[in-house]
Amino acid sequence: MADREYRAFVIGWDGRVQYRYDLSCADEVEARERAKQLMDGYDIELWKDDKKLATFRYQAMPHSFRPQTDLYCLAHSARQQNESRRQK
């Protein structure tokens, strides 16, 4: 069976297309799986010709888990502890 052509569009925060991926897949199931793998902070729309098949919404991390912020707080706390030790 011949591969079918699909398009996956990366949708920016402003709702505009940021990038297009051309996908050759055996069927729609494979196309959906490959499109999901493209999510990296943005929504993805999957199209076959002029028909939109799916929209995959990016889910941001909950505010209770922000690795960069938490690491900053740990580093800042450690720096404050070191400074207080030097002052003694």
N, C-alpha and C. Protein backbone atom coordinates (compact mmCIF):
# COMPACT_ATOMS: atom_id res chain seq x y z
N MET A 1 0.84 -1.19 0.00
CA MET A 1 0.00 0.00 0.00
C MET A 1 0.88 1.24 0.00
N ALA A 2 0.54 2.20 -0.83
CA ALA A 2 1.33 3.42 -0.96
C ALA A 2 1.09 4.35 0.23
N ASP A 3 2.14 5.08 0.58
CA ASP A 3 2.00 6.07 1.65
C ASP A 3 1.11 7.21 1.20
N ARG A 4 0.43 7.80 2.16
CA ARG A 4 -0.43 8.95 1.90
C ARG A 4 0.25 10.19 2.44
N GLU A 5 -0.05 11.30 1.83
CA GLU A 5 0.56 12.57 2.23
C GLU A 5 -0.35 13.33 3.20
N TYR A 6 0.24 13.75 4.31
CA TYR A 6 -0.44 14.54 5.32
C TYR A 6 0.40 15.78 5.60
N ARG A 7 -0.21 16.79 6.20
CA ARG A 7 0.52 17.99 6.61
C ARG A 7 0.24 18.26 8.08
N ALA A 8 1.27 18.57 8.80
CA ALA A 8 1.13 18.96 10.20
C ALA A 8 1.62 20.40 10.32
N PHE A 9 0.78 21.24 10.89
CA PHE A 9 1.11 22.65 11.05
C PHE A 9 1.35 22.97 12.52
N VAL A 10 2.46 23.64 12.78
CA VAL A 10 2.77 24.14 14.12
C VAL A 10 2.07 25.50 14.24
N ILE A 11 1.19 25.62 15.24
CA ILE A 11 0.41 26.84 15.42
C ILE A 11 1.01 27.65 16.56
N GLY A 12 1.38 28.87 16.26
CA GLY A 12 1.99 29.75 17.26
C GLY A 12 0.97 30.28 18.25
N TRP A 13 1.46 30.96 19.28
CA TRP A 13 0.61 31.50 20.32
C TRP A 13 -0.36 32.54 19.78
N ASP A 14 -0.01 33.14 18.63
CA ASP A 14 -0.89 34.13 18.02
C ASP A 14 -1.92 33.50 17.08
N GLY A 15 -1.94 32.16 16.99
CA GLY A 15 -2.89 31.46 16.15
C GLY A 15 -2.46 31.29 14.70
N ARG A 16 -1.27 31.76 14.38
CA ARG A 16 -0.76 31.67 13.00
C ARG A 16 0.15 30.46 12.84
N VAL A 17 0.23 29.98 11.61
CA VAL A 17 1.11 28.85 11.29
C VAL A 17 2.56 29.32 11.40
N GLN A 18 3.33 28.58 12.19
CA GLN A 18 4.75 28.89 12.36
C GLN A 18 5.63 28.03 11.46
N TYR A 19 5.16 26.79 11.22
CA TYR A 19 5.97 25.85 10.44
C TYR A 19 5.06 24.75 9.90
N ARG A 20 5.45 24.14 8.78
CA ARG A 20 4.69 23.04 8.20
C ARG A 20 5.60 21.82 8.04
N TYR A 21 5.09 20.67 8.44
CA TYR A 21 5.77 19.40 8.22
C TYR A 21 4.97 18.59 7.21
N ASP A 22 5.62 18.06 6.20
CA ASP A 22 4.99 17.15 5.25
C ASP A 22 5.26 15.73 5.74
N LEU A 23 4.20 14.97 5.95
CA LEU A 23 4.32 13.62 6.49
C LEU A 23 3.85 12.59 5.47
N SER A 24 4.63 11.56 5.23
CA SER A 24 4.22 10.43 4.42
C SER A 24 3.95 9.28 5.37
N CYS A 25 2.69 8.86 5.44
CA CYS A 25 2.28 7.84 6.41
C CYS A 25 1.41 6.79 5.72
N ALA A 26 1.41 5.60 6.29
CA ALA A 26 0.60 4.51 5.74
C ALA A 26 -0.89 4.78 5.90
N ASP A 27 -1.26 5.43 7.02
CA ASP A 27 -2.68 5.69 7.27
C ASP A 27 -2.83 6.84 8.25
N GLU A 28 -4.07 7.19 8.55
CA GLU A 28 -4.34 8.31 9.45
C GLU A 28 -3.86 8.05 10.87
N VAL A 29 -3.92 6.81 11.31
CA VAL A 29 -3.47 6.47 12.66
C VAL A 29 -1.99 6.81 12.81
N GLU A 30 -1.18 6.42 11.84
CA GLU A 30 0.25 6.74 11.89
C GLU A 30 0.47 8.24 11.80
N ALA A 31 -0.30 8.92 10.97
CA ALA A 31 -0.15 10.37 10.83
C ALA A 31 -0.46 11.08 12.15
N ARG A 32 -1.49 10.62 12.85
CA ARG A 32 -1.83 11.23 14.14
C ARG A 32 -0.71 11.02 15.16
N GLU A 33 -0.15 9.83 15.19
CA GLU A 33 0.94 9.55 16.13
C GLU A 33 2.16 10.42 15.84
N ARG A 34 2.50 10.54 14.57
CA ARG A 34 3.66 11.36 14.20
C ARG A 34 3.41 12.84 14.50
N ALA A 35 2.18 13.30 14.27
CA ALA A 35 1.86 14.71 14.55
C ALA A 35 1.97 15.00 16.04
N LYS A 36 1.49 14.08 16.88
CA LYS A 36 1.58 14.27 18.34
C LYS A 36 3.03 14.42 18.79
N GLN A 37 3.93 13.71 18.11
CA GLN A 37 5.35 13.77 18.49
C GLN A 37 5.97 15.12 18.16
N LEU A 38 5.32 15.92 17.34
CA LEU A 38 5.87 17.22 16.95
C LEU A 38 5.57 18.31 17.97
N MET A 39 4.67 18.04 18.92
CA MET A 39 4.32 19.06 19.91
C MET A 39 5.53 19.38 20.78
N ASP A 40 5.92 20.62 20.76
CA ASP A 40 7.03 21.07 21.58
C ASP A 40 6.74 22.49 22.04
N GLY A 41 5.67 22.62 22.79
CA GLY A 41 5.30 23.94 23.29
C GLY A 41 4.25 24.64 22.45
N TYR A 42 3.80 24.01 21.38
CA TYR A 42 2.82 24.62 20.49
C TYR A 42 1.75 23.60 20.12
N ASP A 43 0.59 24.12 19.68
CA ASP A 43 -0.46 23.25 19.16
C ASP A 43 -0.06 22.76 17.78
N ILE A 44 -0.61 21.61 17.40
CA ILE A 44 -0.37 21.02 16.08
C ILE A 44 -1.71 20.74 15.42
N GLU A 45 -1.85 21.13 14.16
CA GLU A 45 -3.02 20.75 13.36
C GLU A 45 -2.57 19.74 12.31
N LEU A 46 -3.35 18.68 12.16
CA LEU A 46 -3.07 17.65 11.16
C LEU A 46 -4.09 17.76 10.04
N TRP A 47 -3.61 17.83 8.81
CA TRP A 47 -4.46 17.99 7.63
C TRP A 47 -4.17 16.90 6.60
N LYS A 48 -5.22 16.50 5.87
CA LYS A 48 -5.12 15.65 4.69
C LYS A 48 -5.80 16.42 3.58
N ASP A 49 -5.05 16.86 2.60
CA ASP A 49 -5.56 17.72 1.53
C ASP A 49 -6.18 18.97 2.16
N ASP A 50 -7.46 19.23 1.93
CA ASP A 50 -8.08 20.44 2.48
C ASP A 50 -8.98 20.14 3.68
N LYS A 51 -8.79 18.99 4.30
CA LYS A 51 -9.61 18.58 5.44
C LYS A 51 -8.76 18.51 6.71
N LYS A 52 -9.18 19.27 7.74
CA LYS A 52 -8.47 19.18 9.02
C LYS A 52 -8.94 17.92 9.74
N LEU A 53 -7.97 17.07 10.09
CA LEU A 53 -8.27 15.80 10.75
C LEU A 53 -8.26 15.91 12.26
N ALA A 54 -7.36 16.74 12.80
CA ALA A 54 -7.22 16.80 14.25
C ALA A 54 -6.45 18.04 14.66
N THR A 55 -6.69 18.46 15.89
CA THR A 55 -5.88 19.49 16.54
C THR A 55 -5.37 18.91 17.84
N PHE A 56 -4.07 18.97 18.03
CA PHE A 56 -3.44 18.47 19.25
C PHE A 56 -3.01 19.69 20.06
N ARG A 57 -3.60 19.86 21.22
CA ARG A 57 -3.35 21.03 22.06
C ARG A 57 -2.20 20.76 23.01
N TYR A 58 -1.27 21.69 23.03
CA TYR A 58 -0.16 21.60 23.97
C TYR A 58 -0.66 21.93 25.36
N GLN A 59 -0.33 21.10 26.32
CA GLN A 59 -0.71 21.33 27.72
C GLN A 59 0.53 21.79 28.49
N ALA A 60 0.51 23.02 28.93
CA ALA A 60 1.63 23.55 29.70
C ALA A 60 1.69 22.86 31.05
N MET A 61 2.87 22.90 31.66
CA MET A 61 3.03 22.33 32.99
C MET A 61 2.21 23.13 33.99
N PRO A 62 1.64 22.47 34.98
CA PRO A 62 0.93 23.21 36.02
C PRO A 62 1.88 24.15 36.76
N HIS A 63 1.34 25.21 37.29
CA HIS A 63 2.18 26.20 37.97
C HIS A 63 2.87 25.63 39.21
N SER A 64 2.36 24.53 39.73
CA SER A 64 2.98 23.96 40.92
C SER A 64 4.30 23.26 40.59
N PHE A 65 4.55 23.03 39.31
CA PHE A 65 5.80 22.36 38.93
C PHE A 65 6.47 23.17 37.82
N ARG A 66 7.42 24.00 38.22
CA ARG A 66 8.17 24.81 37.27
C ARG A 66 9.64 24.59 37.54
N PRO A 67 10.27 23.64 36.85
CA PRO A 67 11.66 23.29 37.16
C PRO A 67 12.62 24.47 37.16
N GLN A 68 12.53 25.35 36.16
CA GLN A 68 13.49 26.45 36.10
C GLN A 68 13.32 27.39 37.29
N THR A 69 12.11 27.70 37.66
CA THR A 69 11.87 28.58 38.80
C THR A 69 12.31 27.91 40.09
N ASP A 70 11.97 26.63 40.25
CA ASP A 70 12.35 25.92 41.46
C ASP A 70 13.86 25.84 41.59
N LEU A 71 14.57 25.60 40.49
CA LEU A 71 16.03 25.54 40.53
C LEU A 71 16.61 26.90 40.89
N TYR A 72 16.01 27.98 40.36
CA TYR A 72 16.47 29.31 40.70
C TYR A 72 16.32 29.55 42.20
N CYS A 73 15.19 29.17 42.76
CA CYS A 73 14.95 29.37 44.19
C CYS A 73 15.96 28.59 45.02
N LEU A 74 16.26 27.37 44.62
CA LEU A 74 17.26 26.57 45.34
C LEU A 74 18.63 27.21 45.27
N ALA A 75 19.01 27.69 44.09
CA ALA A 75 20.32 28.32 43.92
C ALA A 75 20.39 29.61 44.73
N HIS A 76 19.32 30.39 44.71
CA HIS A 76 19.29 31.65 45.46
C HIS A 76 19.39 31.38 46.96
N SER A 77 18.68 30.37 47.44
CA SER A 77 18.71 30.01 48.85
C SER A 77 20.12 29.57 49.26
N ALA A 78 20.76 28.76 48.43
CA ALA A 78 22.11 28.29 48.73
C ALA A 78 23.09 29.48 48.77
N ARG A 79 22.92 30.43 47.85
CA ARG A 79 23.79 31.59 47.82
C ARG A 79 23.62 32.42 49.09
N GLN A 80 22.38 32.58 49.54
CA GLN A 80 22.13 33.34 50.76
C GLN A 80 22.76 32.64 51.97
N GLN A 81 22.69 31.34 52.02
CA GLN A 81 23.28 30.60 53.13
C GLN A 81 24.80 30.76 53.13
N ASN A 82 25.41 30.70 51.95
CA ASN A 82 26.86 30.87 51.87
C ASN A 82 27.29 32.28 52.30
N GLU A 83 26.52 33.29 51.91
CA GLU A 83 26.84 34.67 52.29
C GLU A 83 26.70 34.86 53.80
N SER A 84 25.69 34.27 54.41
CA SER A 84 25.51 34.43 55.85
C SER A 84 26.63 33.72 56.61
N ARG A 85 27.13 32.62 56.10
CA ARG A 85 28.25 31.92 56.73
C ARG A 85 29.52 32.77 56.68
N ARG A 86 29.73 33.46 55.55
CA ARG A 86 30.93 34.29 55.40
C ARG A 86 30.88 35.48 56.35
N GLN A 87 29.70 35.99 56.63
CA GLN A 87 29.57 37.17 57.50
C GLN A 87 29.83 36.82 58.97
N LYS A 88 29.73 35.57 59.35
CA LYS A 88 29.93 35.18 60.75
C LYS A 88 31.36 35.10 61.14
